[in-house]
Amino acid sequence: MNDWKSLLDRMTIDDECGSLKPATLKNLKDIERRLGITLPKSYLDYCATFGAGQIDERYRISIPGLAKRGFGMYDLEKLHKDMHENEYEIYLADPTQYHRSIVFATTERRDTLFWDPQDVTDADRCEYGIWVLQEDFVIHRLCDTFWELVNEICLGNRHDELGMGPPEFVFCPI
């Protein structure tokens, strides 16, 4: 069971960035309908607890419903659309994987994090494998769930898999 509330309680919230604005159930359901996919349960729970923002000031996590408020980079649908308008596919070994991907985050190193809906890791919770498109156009698999991404890579001992130094437990809400 993912306990986003306990994780949030352990983190420092940088209120100079803004205040927590969790996603609404309506925004979450609307984006699922528009993208034609059920979003991972761990991500939905994260959105309902944290909202958009930066984890460890290195990982920019988007949520649905922010484009109209002027936060396109943190709006799931806009980020996903913008990243697919780039012509990355011509440089990739498997362009079909990136074409079907759901982009949900970027890093300070200009990595793009996405789900591959064909890489189902937990059908009951609609969890998909998380992949990274790095600046050099290399794609590799990072982990099985959004919970694992946040707790083991963004804030855990696997941070070096994306070339990051030791994490700080800071969340900067948008």
N, C-alpha and C. Protein backbone atom coordinates (compact mmCIF):
# COMPACT_ATOMS: atom_id res chain seq x y z
N MET A 1 0.85 -1.19 0.00
CA MET A 1 0.00 0.00 0.00
C MET A 1 0.89 1.25 0.00
N ASN A 2 0.58 2.18 -0.87
CA ASN A 2 1.33 3.42 -0.95
C ASN A 2 0.76 4.42 0.05
N ASP A 3 1.62 5.02 0.83
CA ASP A 3 1.17 5.98 1.84
C ASP A 3 1.78 7.35 1.53
N TRP A 4 1.15 8.03 0.60
CA TRP A 4 1.64 9.35 0.19
C TRP A 4 1.56 10.36 1.32
N LYS A 5 0.56 10.25 2.17
CA LYS A 5 0.42 11.19 3.28
C LYS A 5 1.61 11.08 4.23
N SER A 6 2.04 9.87 4.55
CA SER A 6 3.21 9.68 5.42
C SER A 6 4.46 10.24 4.77
N LEU A 7 4.61 10.04 3.46
CA LEU A 7 5.76 10.61 2.76
C LEU A 7 5.71 12.13 2.81
N LEU A 8 4.55 12.70 2.55
CA LEU A 8 4.40 14.16 2.59
C LEU A 8 4.76 14.71 3.96
N ASP A 9 4.35 14.01 5.02
CA ASP A 9 4.65 14.43 6.39
C ASP A 9 6.14 14.44 6.68
N ARG A 10 6.91 13.60 6.00
CA ARG A 10 8.36 13.53 6.20
C ARG A 10 9.13 14.56 5.38
N MET A 11 8.44 15.21 4.46
CA MET A 11 9.12 16.15 3.56
C MET A 11 8.99 17.58 4.05
N THR A 12 9.95 18.40 3.66
CA THR A 12 9.87 19.84 3.87
C THR A 12 9.13 20.42 2.69
N ILE A 13 8.10 21.21 2.95
CA ILE A 13 7.36 21.87 1.88
C ILE A 13 7.91 23.28 1.73
N ASP A 14 8.43 23.58 0.57
CA ASP A 14 8.98 24.90 0.29
C ASP A 14 7.83 25.83 -0.07
N ASP A 15 7.28 26.52 0.92
CA ASP A 15 6.10 27.35 0.69
C ASP A 15 6.43 28.64 -0.07
N GLU A 16 7.71 28.90 -0.34
CA GLU A 16 8.04 30.04 -1.19
C GLU A 16 7.65 29.77 -2.64
N CYS A 17 7.54 28.51 -2.99
CA CYS A 17 7.13 28.13 -4.35
C CYS A 17 5.63 28.25 -4.53
N GLY A 18 4.89 27.95 -3.50
CA GLY A 18 3.44 27.94 -3.56
C GLY A 18 2.90 27.05 -2.45
N SER A 19 1.63 26.75 -2.55
CA SER A 19 1.01 25.87 -1.56
C SER A 19 0.53 24.60 -2.24
N LEU A 20 0.35 23.55 -1.45
CA LEU A 20 -0.13 22.29 -2.00
C LEU A 20 -1.49 22.49 -2.66
N LYS A 21 -1.62 21.98 -3.88
CA LYS A 21 -2.89 22.04 -4.61
C LYS A 21 -3.13 20.68 -5.25
N PRO A 22 -3.64 19.74 -4.47
CA PRO A 22 -3.90 18.41 -5.02
C PRO A 22 -4.87 18.45 -6.20
N ALA A 23 -4.73 17.48 -7.08
CA ALA A 23 -5.61 17.37 -8.24
C ALA A 23 -7.01 16.99 -7.79
N THR A 24 -7.99 17.43 -8.56
CA THR A 24 -9.37 17.05 -8.28
C THR A 24 -9.70 15.74 -8.99
N LEU A 25 -10.66 15.02 -8.45
CA LEU A 25 -11.10 13.78 -9.07
C LEU A 25 -11.62 14.06 -10.48
N LYS A 26 -12.29 15.18 -10.68
CA LYS A 26 -12.80 15.53 -12.01
C LYS A 26 -11.66 15.69 -13.00
N ASN A 27 -10.61 16.41 -12.62
CA ASN A 27 -9.47 16.58 -13.53
C ASN A 27 -8.80 15.24 -13.85
N LEU A 28 -8.70 14.38 -12.86
CA LEU A 28 -8.09 13.07 -13.08
C LEU A 28 -8.92 12.22 -14.03
N LYS A 29 -10.22 12.20 -13.84
CA LYS A 29 -11.10 11.42 -14.73
C LYS A 29 -11.15 12.02 -16.13
N ASP A 30 -11.15 13.36 -16.22
CA ASP A 30 -11.18 14.02 -17.53
C ASP A 30 -9.94 13.68 -18.36
N ILE A 31 -8.78 13.70 -17.73
CA ILE A 31 -7.55 13.41 -18.48
C ILE A 31 -7.50 11.95 -18.91
N GLU A 32 -7.99 11.06 -18.07
CA GLU A 32 -8.05 9.65 -18.46
C GLU A 32 -8.93 9.48 -19.69
N ARG A 33 -10.04 10.16 -19.70
CA ARG A 33 -10.95 10.07 -20.85
C ARG A 33 -10.28 10.63 -22.11
N ARG A 34 -9.65 11.81 -21.98
CA ARG A 34 -9.02 12.43 -23.16
C ARG A 34 -7.83 11.64 -23.68
N LEU A 35 -7.04 11.04 -22.79
CA LEU A 35 -5.89 10.26 -23.23
C LEU A 35 -6.27 8.83 -23.60
N GLY A 36 -7.45 8.41 -23.18
CA GLY A 36 -7.90 7.05 -23.47
C GLY A 36 -7.14 5.99 -22.71
N ILE A 37 -6.79 6.30 -21.47
CA ILE A 37 -6.01 5.38 -20.65
C ILE A 37 -6.40 5.54 -19.18
N THR A 38 -6.30 4.47 -18.42
CA THR A 38 -6.46 4.55 -16.98
C THR A 38 -5.09 4.84 -16.39
N LEU A 39 -4.97 5.92 -15.67
CA LEU A 39 -3.68 6.29 -15.07
C LEU A 39 -3.36 5.37 -13.90
N PRO A 40 -2.07 5.17 -13.61
CA PRO A 40 -1.67 4.30 -12.51
C PRO A 40 -2.23 4.76 -11.16
N LYS A 41 -2.65 3.79 -10.37
CA LYS A 41 -3.23 4.10 -9.05
C LYS A 41 -2.24 4.86 -8.17
N SER A 42 -0.95 4.48 -8.20
CA SER A 42 0.01 5.18 -7.35
C SER A 42 0.15 6.65 -7.78
N TYR A 43 0.05 6.92 -9.06
CA TYR A 43 0.12 8.31 -9.55
C TYR A 43 -1.14 9.08 -9.16
N LEU A 44 -2.30 8.45 -9.30
CA LEU A 44 -3.56 9.12 -8.93
C LEU A 44 -3.55 9.49 -7.45
N ASP A 45 -3.06 8.58 -6.61
CA ASP A 45 -2.99 8.85 -5.17
C ASP A 45 -2.00 9.97 -4.88
N TYR A 46 -0.88 9.98 -5.59
CA TYR A 46 0.09 11.07 -5.45
C TYR A 46 -0.56 12.41 -5.81
N CYS A 47 -1.24 12.46 -6.95
CA CYS A 47 -1.89 13.70 -7.41
C CYS A 47 -2.89 14.22 -6.39
N ALA A 48 -3.61 13.31 -5.75
CA ALA A 48 -4.63 13.69 -4.77
C ALA A 48 -4.01 14.13 -3.44
N THR A 49 -2.73 13.87 -3.24
CA THR A 49 -2.04 14.24 -2.00
C THR A 49 -1.11 15.43 -2.19
N PHE A 50 -0.25 15.37 -3.19
CA PHE A 50 0.77 16.39 -3.40
C PHE A 50 0.33 17.49 -4.38
N GLY A 51 -0.17 17.07 -5.53
CA GLY A 51 -0.37 18.03 -6.62
C GLY A 51 0.91 18.17 -7.42
N ALA A 52 0.93 19.16 -8.31
CA ALA A 52 2.10 19.37 -9.17
C ALA A 52 3.22 20.03 -8.39
N GLY A 53 4.43 19.78 -8.84
CA GLY A 53 5.56 20.45 -8.22
C GLY A 53 6.85 19.72 -8.47
N GLN A 54 7.86 20.15 -7.73
CA GLN A 54 9.19 19.57 -7.86
C GLN A 54 9.53 18.75 -6.62
N ILE A 55 9.91 17.53 -6.87
CA ILE A 55 10.41 16.67 -5.80
C ILE A 55 11.92 16.83 -5.79
N ASP A 56 12.47 17.18 -4.64
CA ASP A 56 13.92 17.33 -4.48
C ASP A 56 14.46 18.41 -5.43
N GLU A 57 13.63 19.29 -5.89
CA GLU A 57 13.98 20.37 -6.81
C GLU A 57 14.64 19.87 -8.09
N ARG A 58 14.53 18.57 -8.35
CA ARG A 58 15.15 17.97 -9.54
C ARG A 58 14.15 17.29 -10.46
N TYR A 59 13.02 16.91 -9.91
CA TYR A 59 12.03 16.15 -10.67
C TYR A 59 10.74 16.95 -10.74
N ARG A 60 10.35 17.38 -11.94
CA ARG A 60 9.13 18.16 -12.15
C ARG A 60 7.99 17.21 -12.51
N ILE A 61 7.07 17.05 -11.58
CA ILE A 61 5.96 16.11 -11.75
C ILE A 61 4.71 16.89 -12.16
N SER A 62 4.12 16.50 -13.27
CA SER A 62 2.92 17.18 -13.75
C SER A 62 1.66 16.45 -13.27
N ILE A 63 0.58 17.19 -13.22
CA ILE A 63 -0.74 16.64 -12.90
C ILE A 63 -1.73 17.26 -13.88
N PRO A 64 -2.91 16.70 -14.02
CA PRO A 64 -3.89 17.29 -14.94
C PRO A 64 -4.53 18.55 -14.37
N GLY A 65 -4.93 19.44 -15.29
CA GLY A 65 -5.75 20.59 -14.92
C GLY A 65 -5.02 21.88 -14.64
N LEU A 66 -3.76 22.01 -15.04
CA LEU A 66 -3.02 23.22 -14.72
C LEU A 66 -2.79 24.15 -15.91
N ALA A 67 -3.05 23.72 -17.13
CA ALA A 67 -2.75 24.52 -18.31
C ALA A 67 -3.46 25.86 -18.29
N LYS A 68 -4.71 25.89 -17.88
CA LYS A 68 -5.49 27.14 -17.87
C LYS A 68 -4.96 28.11 -16.82
N ARG A 69 -4.23 27.60 -15.84
CA ARG A 69 -3.68 28.46 -14.79
C ARG A 69 -2.28 28.96 -15.15
N GLY A 70 -1.81 28.66 -16.37
CA GLY A 70 -0.51 29.15 -16.82
C GLY A 70 0.68 28.31 -16.41
N PHE A 71 0.44 27.08 -16.01
CA PHE A 71 1.52 26.20 -15.58
C PHE A 71 1.65 25.01 -16.55
N GLY A 72 1.79 25.31 -17.83
CA GLY A 72 1.81 24.27 -18.85
C GLY A 72 2.82 23.18 -18.62
N MET A 73 4.01 23.54 -18.15
CA MET A 73 5.05 22.55 -17.91
C MET A 73 4.65 21.53 -16.84
N TYR A 74 3.74 21.94 -15.96
CA TYR A 74 3.28 21.07 -14.88
C TYR A 74 1.89 20.49 -15.14
N ASP A 75 1.35 20.74 -16.33
CA ASP A 75 0.06 20.18 -16.71
C ASP A 75 0.31 18.89 -17.49
N LEU A 76 -0.24 17.79 -17.02
CA LEU A 76 0.01 16.48 -17.61
C LEU A 76 -0.31 16.47 -19.10
N GLU A 77 -1.47 16.94 -19.47
CA GLU A 77 -1.88 16.87 -20.87
C GLU A 77 -0.99 17.75 -21.76
N LYS A 78 -0.67 18.95 -21.30
CA LYS A 78 0.17 19.85 -22.11
C LYS A 78 1.59 19.31 -22.22
N LEU A 79 2.16 18.85 -21.12
CA LEU A 79 3.50 18.28 -21.17
C LEU A 79 3.53 17.09 -22.12
N HIS A 80 2.56 16.20 -21.98
CA HIS A 80 2.48 15.01 -22.84
C HIS A 80 2.40 15.43 -24.31
N LYS A 81 1.53 16.37 -24.61
CA LYS A 81 1.36 16.83 -26.00
C LYS A 81 2.63 17.50 -26.51
N ASP A 82 3.21 18.41 -25.73
CA ASP A 82 4.42 19.12 -26.15
C ASP A 82 5.57 18.16 -26.41
N MET A 83 5.74 17.16 -25.55
CA MET A 83 6.85 16.23 -25.73
C MET A 83 6.66 15.35 -26.96
N HIS A 84 5.40 15.10 -27.32
CA HIS A 84 5.15 14.30 -28.52
C HIS A 84 5.20 15.13 -29.79
N GLU A 85 5.16 16.44 -29.68
CA GLU A 85 5.31 17.29 -30.87
C GLU A 85 6.78 17.42 -31.27
N ASN A 86 7.68 17.16 -30.33
CA ASN A 86 9.10 17.14 -30.68
C ASN A 86 9.36 15.96 -31.60
N GLU A 87 10.37 16.04 -32.38
CA GLU A 87 10.66 14.98 -33.34
C GLU A 87 11.68 13.98 -32.81
N TYR A 88 11.56 13.67 -31.52
CA TYR A 88 12.48 12.72 -30.90
C TYR A 88 12.45 11.36 -31.58
N GLU A 89 11.29 10.98 -32.07
CA GLU A 89 11.10 9.63 -32.59
C GLU A 89 12.11 9.27 -33.67
N ILE A 90 12.56 10.24 -34.46
CA ILE A 90 13.50 9.94 -35.54
C ILE A 90 14.86 9.50 -35.02
N TYR A 91 15.15 9.79 -33.76
CA TYR A 91 16.44 9.44 -33.17
C TYR A 91 16.40 8.16 -32.34
N LEU A 92 15.23 7.59 -32.15
CA LEU A 92 15.06 6.49 -31.20
C LEU A 92 15.14 5.13 -31.86
N ALA A 93 15.65 4.16 -31.11
CA ALA A 93 15.71 2.79 -31.59
C ALA A 93 14.31 2.19 -31.76
N ASP A 94 13.36 2.54 -30.88
CA ASP A 94 11.99 2.04 -30.95
C ASP A 94 11.02 3.22 -30.88
N PRO A 95 10.81 3.90 -32.01
CA PRO A 95 9.93 5.07 -31.98
C PRO A 95 8.49 4.75 -31.62
N THR A 96 8.04 3.52 -31.84
CA THR A 96 6.65 3.18 -31.50
C THR A 96 6.43 3.21 -30.00
N GLN A 97 7.44 2.86 -29.22
CA GLN A 97 7.30 2.91 -27.76
C GLN A 97 7.08 4.35 -27.32
N TYR A 98 7.87 5.26 -27.82
CA TYR A 98 7.71 6.66 -27.42
C TYR A 98 6.39 7.22 -27.93
N HIS A 99 5.96 6.81 -29.09
CA HIS A 99 4.69 7.29 -29.64
C HIS A 99 3.51 6.92 -28.74
N ARG A 100 3.54 5.73 -28.17
CA ARG A 100 2.42 5.29 -27.32
C ARG A 100 2.59 5.72 -25.86
N SER A 101 3.72 6.32 -25.53
CA SER A 101 4.03 6.67 -24.14
C SER A 101 3.14 7.79 -23.60
N ILE A 102 3.04 7.83 -22.27
CA ILE A 102 2.37 8.91 -21.55
C ILE A 102 3.44 9.63 -20.74
N VAL A 103 3.80 10.83 -21.19
CA VAL A 103 4.84 11.62 -20.54
C VAL A 103 4.24 12.31 -19.32
N PHE A 104 4.91 12.21 -18.16
CA PHE A 104 4.36 12.80 -16.94
C PHE A 104 5.37 13.63 -16.15
N ALA A 105 6.64 13.61 -16.51
CA ALA A 105 7.63 14.35 -15.72
C ALA A 105 8.89 14.61 -16.54
N THR A 106 9.65 15.61 -16.06
CA THR A 106 10.96 15.90 -16.61
C THR A 106 11.91 16.11 -15.43
N THR A 107 13.20 16.08 -15.73
CA THR A 107 14.18 16.30 -14.67
C THR A 107 15.03 17.53 -14.98
N GLU A 108 15.79 17.95 -13.98
CA GLU A 108 16.69 19.09 -14.19
C GLU A 108 17.75 18.78 -15.23
N ARG A 109 18.00 17.49 -15.49
CA ARG A 109 18.99 17.08 -16.50
C ARG A 109 18.36 16.94 -17.88
N ARG A 110 17.12 17.36 -18.02
CA ARG A 110 16.38 17.33 -19.28
C ARG A 110 16.00 15.91 -19.71
N ASP A 111 15.87 15.01 -18.74
CA ASP A 111 15.34 13.69 -19.00
C ASP A 111 13.82 13.79 -19.06
N THR A 112 13.21 12.89 -19.83
CA THR A 112 11.75 12.81 -19.93
C THR A 112 11.31 11.48 -19.36
N LEU A 113 10.41 11.51 -18.37
CA LEU A 113 9.92 10.29 -17.73
C LEU A 113 8.53 9.98 -18.28
N PHE A 114 8.31 8.70 -18.60
CA PHE A 114 7.02 8.33 -19.18
C PHE A 114 6.63 6.90 -18.81
N TRP A 115 5.32 6.65 -18.94
CA TRP A 115 4.78 5.29 -18.80
C TRP A 115 4.67 4.69 -20.17
N ASP A 116 4.89 3.40 -20.25
CA ASP A 116 4.61 2.64 -21.47
C ASP A 116 3.40 1.77 -21.16
N PRO A 117 2.22 2.13 -21.70
CA PRO A 117 1.00 1.38 -21.39
C PRO A 117 1.03 -0.09 -21.76
N GLN A 118 1.97 -0.50 -22.61
CA GLN A 118 2.10 -1.92 -22.93
C GLN A 118 2.94 -2.68 -21.91
N ASP A 119 3.61 -1.94 -21.03
CA ASP A 119 4.44 -2.54 -19.99
C ASP A 119 3.66 -2.53 -18.67
N VAL A 120 2.64 -3.39 -18.59
CA VAL A 120 1.77 -3.46 -17.42
C VAL A 120 2.50 -4.24 -16.32
N THR A 121 2.65 -3.60 -15.16
CA THR A 121 3.35 -4.24 -14.05
C THR A 121 2.40 -4.71 -12.95
N ASP A 122 1.20 -4.16 -12.89
CA ASP A 122 0.18 -4.55 -11.92
C ASP A 122 -1.17 -4.20 -12.53
N ALA A 123 -1.81 -5.19 -13.13
CA ALA A 123 -3.06 -4.95 -13.85
C ALA A 123 -4.18 -4.46 -12.92
N ASP A 124 -4.22 -4.96 -11.68
CA ASP A 124 -5.27 -4.57 -10.76
C ASP A 124 -5.20 -3.09 -10.39
N ARG A 125 -3.99 -2.53 -10.34
CA ARG A 125 -3.80 -1.13 -9.96
C ARG A 125 -3.43 -0.25 -11.17
N CYS A 126 -3.52 -0.84 -12.36
CA CYS A 126 -3.20 -0.12 -13.61
C CYS A 126 -1.81 0.51 -13.56
N GLU A 127 -0.85 -0.22 -13.04
CA GLU A 127 0.52 0.29 -12.96
C GLU A 127 1.27 -0.11 -14.23
N TYR A 128 2.08 0.83 -14.72
CA TYR A 128 2.88 0.61 -15.91
C TYR A 128 4.35 0.86 -15.59
N GLY A 129 5.22 0.20 -16.34
CA GLY A 129 6.64 0.45 -16.18
C GLY A 129 6.97 1.91 -16.48
N ILE A 130 7.94 2.44 -15.77
CA ILE A 130 8.38 3.81 -15.98
C ILE A 130 9.70 3.79 -16.72
N TRP A 131 9.75 4.57 -17.78
CA TRP A 131 10.89 4.63 -18.67
C TRP A 131 11.41 6.06 -18.70
N VAL A 132 12.67 6.20 -19.10
CA VAL A 132 13.28 7.52 -19.22
C VAL A 132 13.86 7.68 -20.62
N LEU A 133 13.58 8.82 -21.22
CA LEU A 133 14.23 9.25 -22.45
C LEU A 133 15.27 10.27 -22.03
N GLN A 134 16.54 9.92 -22.18
CA GLN A 134 17.60 10.81 -21.75
C GLN A 134 17.99 11.77 -22.87
N GLU A 135 18.72 12.80 -22.50
CA GLU A 135 19.08 13.86 -23.43
C GLU A 135 19.80 13.33 -24.68
N ASP A 136 20.50 12.20 -24.54
CA ASP A 136 21.22 11.62 -25.67
C ASP A 136 20.33 10.66 -26.48
N PHE A 137 19.01 10.69 -26.24
CA PHE A 137 18.00 9.90 -26.95
C PHE A 137 18.07 8.41 -26.66
N VAL A 138 18.68 8.04 -25.56
CA VAL A 138 18.68 6.66 -25.10
C VAL A 138 17.48 6.49 -24.17
N ILE A 139 16.74 5.41 -24.40
CA ILE A 139 15.59 5.09 -23.55
C ILE A 139 15.93 3.83 -22.75
N HIS A 140 15.63 3.87 -21.45
CA HIS A 140 15.74 2.65 -20.66
C HIS A 140 14.68 2.65 -19.56
N ARG A 141 14.42 1.46 -19.08
CA ARG A 141 13.40 1.26 -18.06
C ARG A 141 13.99 1.58 -16.69
N LEU A 142 13.21 2.33 -15.89
CA LEU A 142 13.66 2.70 -14.55
C LEU A 142 13.07 1.81 -13.46
N CYS A 143 11.75 1.62 -13.49
CA CYS A 143 11.10 0.93 -12.37
C CYS A 143 9.69 0.50 -12.76
N ASP A 144 9.01 -0.15 -11.80
CA ASP A 144 7.69 -0.74 -12.05
C ASP A 144 6.51 0.19 -11.76
N THR A 145 6.66 1.12 -10.82
CA THR A 145 5.51 1.95 -10.41
C THR A 145 5.95 3.38 -10.12
N PHE A 146 4.98 4.26 -10.09
CA PHE A 146 5.24 5.65 -9.73
C PHE A 146 5.73 5.74 -8.28
N TRP A 147 5.14 4.95 -7.41
CA TRP A 147 5.57 4.90 -6.00
C TRP A 147 7.06 4.55 -5.91
N GLU A 148 7.48 3.56 -6.66
CA GLU A 148 8.88 3.15 -6.67
C GLU A 148 9.77 4.28 -7.23
N LEU A 149 9.31 4.95 -8.28
CA LEU A 149 10.07 6.07 -8.83
C LEU A 149 10.34 7.13 -7.77
N VAL A 150 9.31 7.55 -7.07
CA VAL A 150 9.46 8.62 -6.08
C VAL A 150 10.28 8.16 -4.89
N ASN A 151 9.97 7.00 -4.35
CA ASN A 151 10.61 6.56 -3.10
C ASN A 151 11.99 5.95 -3.26
N GLU A 152 12.27 5.33 -4.40
CA GLU A 152 13.56 4.67 -4.57
C GLU A 152 14.52 5.45 -5.46
N ILE A 153 13.99 6.19 -6.44
CA ILE A 153 14.86 6.92 -7.35
C ILE A 153 14.92 8.40 -6.98
N CYS A 154 13.79 9.08 -6.93
CA CYS A 154 13.81 10.51 -6.60
C CYS A 154 14.33 10.76 -5.19
N LEU A 155 13.87 9.98 -4.23
CA LEU A 155 14.20 10.23 -2.82
C LEU A 155 14.97 9.09 -2.16
N GLY A 156 15.34 8.09 -2.91
CA GLY A 156 15.98 6.93 -2.30
C GLY A 156 17.41 6.70 -2.77
N ASN A 157 17.88 5.50 -2.50
CA ASN A 157 19.28 5.19 -2.78
C ASN A 157 19.56 4.84 -4.24
N ARG A 158 18.54 4.89 -5.10
CA ARG A 158 18.75 4.63 -6.52
C ARG A 158 18.85 5.93 -7.33
N HIS A 159 19.03 7.07 -6.64
CA HIS A 159 19.09 8.37 -7.31
C HIS A 159 20.17 8.45 -8.38
N ASP A 160 21.25 7.69 -8.21
CA ASP A 160 22.35 7.74 -9.17
C ASP A 160 21.99 7.11 -10.52
N GLU A 161 20.88 6.39 -10.60
CA GLU A 161 20.46 5.81 -11.88
C GLU A 161 20.12 6.89 -12.90
N LEU A 162 19.83 8.09 -12.44
CA LEU A 162 19.59 9.22 -13.34
C LEU A 162 20.70 10.26 -13.19
N GLY A 163 21.81 9.86 -12.62
CA GLY A 163 22.95 10.76 -12.49
C GLY A 163 22.76 11.87 -11.48
N MET A 164 21.89 11.65 -10.53
CA MET A 164 21.62 12.66 -9.50
C MET A 164 22.40 12.35 -8.23
N GLY A 165 22.72 13.40 -7.48
CA GLY A 165 23.37 13.24 -6.19
C GLY A 165 22.35 12.85 -5.13
N PRO A 166 22.82 12.72 -3.88
CA PRO A 166 21.91 12.35 -2.78
C PRO A 166 20.71 13.31 -2.70
N PRO A 167 19.53 12.76 -2.47
CA PRO A 167 18.32 13.58 -2.46
C PRO A 167 18.10 14.36 -1.17
N GLU A 168 17.34 15.41 -1.29
CA GLU A 168 16.82 16.14 -0.15
C GLU A 168 15.32 15.94 -0.12
N PHE A 169 14.76 15.78 1.04
CA PHE A 169 13.32 15.56 1.18
C PHE A 169 12.58 16.90 1.16
N VAL A 170 12.55 17.53 -0.03
CA VAL A 170 11.92 18.82 -0.22
C VAL A 170 10.93 18.70 -1.36
N PHE A 171 9.75 19.29 -1.15
CA PHE A 171 8.76 19.37 -2.22
C PHE A 171 8.43 20.84 -2.44
N CYS A 172 8.52 21.25 -3.69
CA CYS A 172 8.22 22.62 -4.07
C CYS A 172 6.91 22.63 -4.85
N PRO A 173 5.79 22.94 -4.21
CA PRO A 173 4.50 22.90 -4.90
C PRO A 173 4.36 24.04 -5.92
N ILE A 174 3.60 23.78 -6.93
CA ILE A 174 3.36 24.78 -7.97
C ILE A 174 1.92 25.27 -7.87
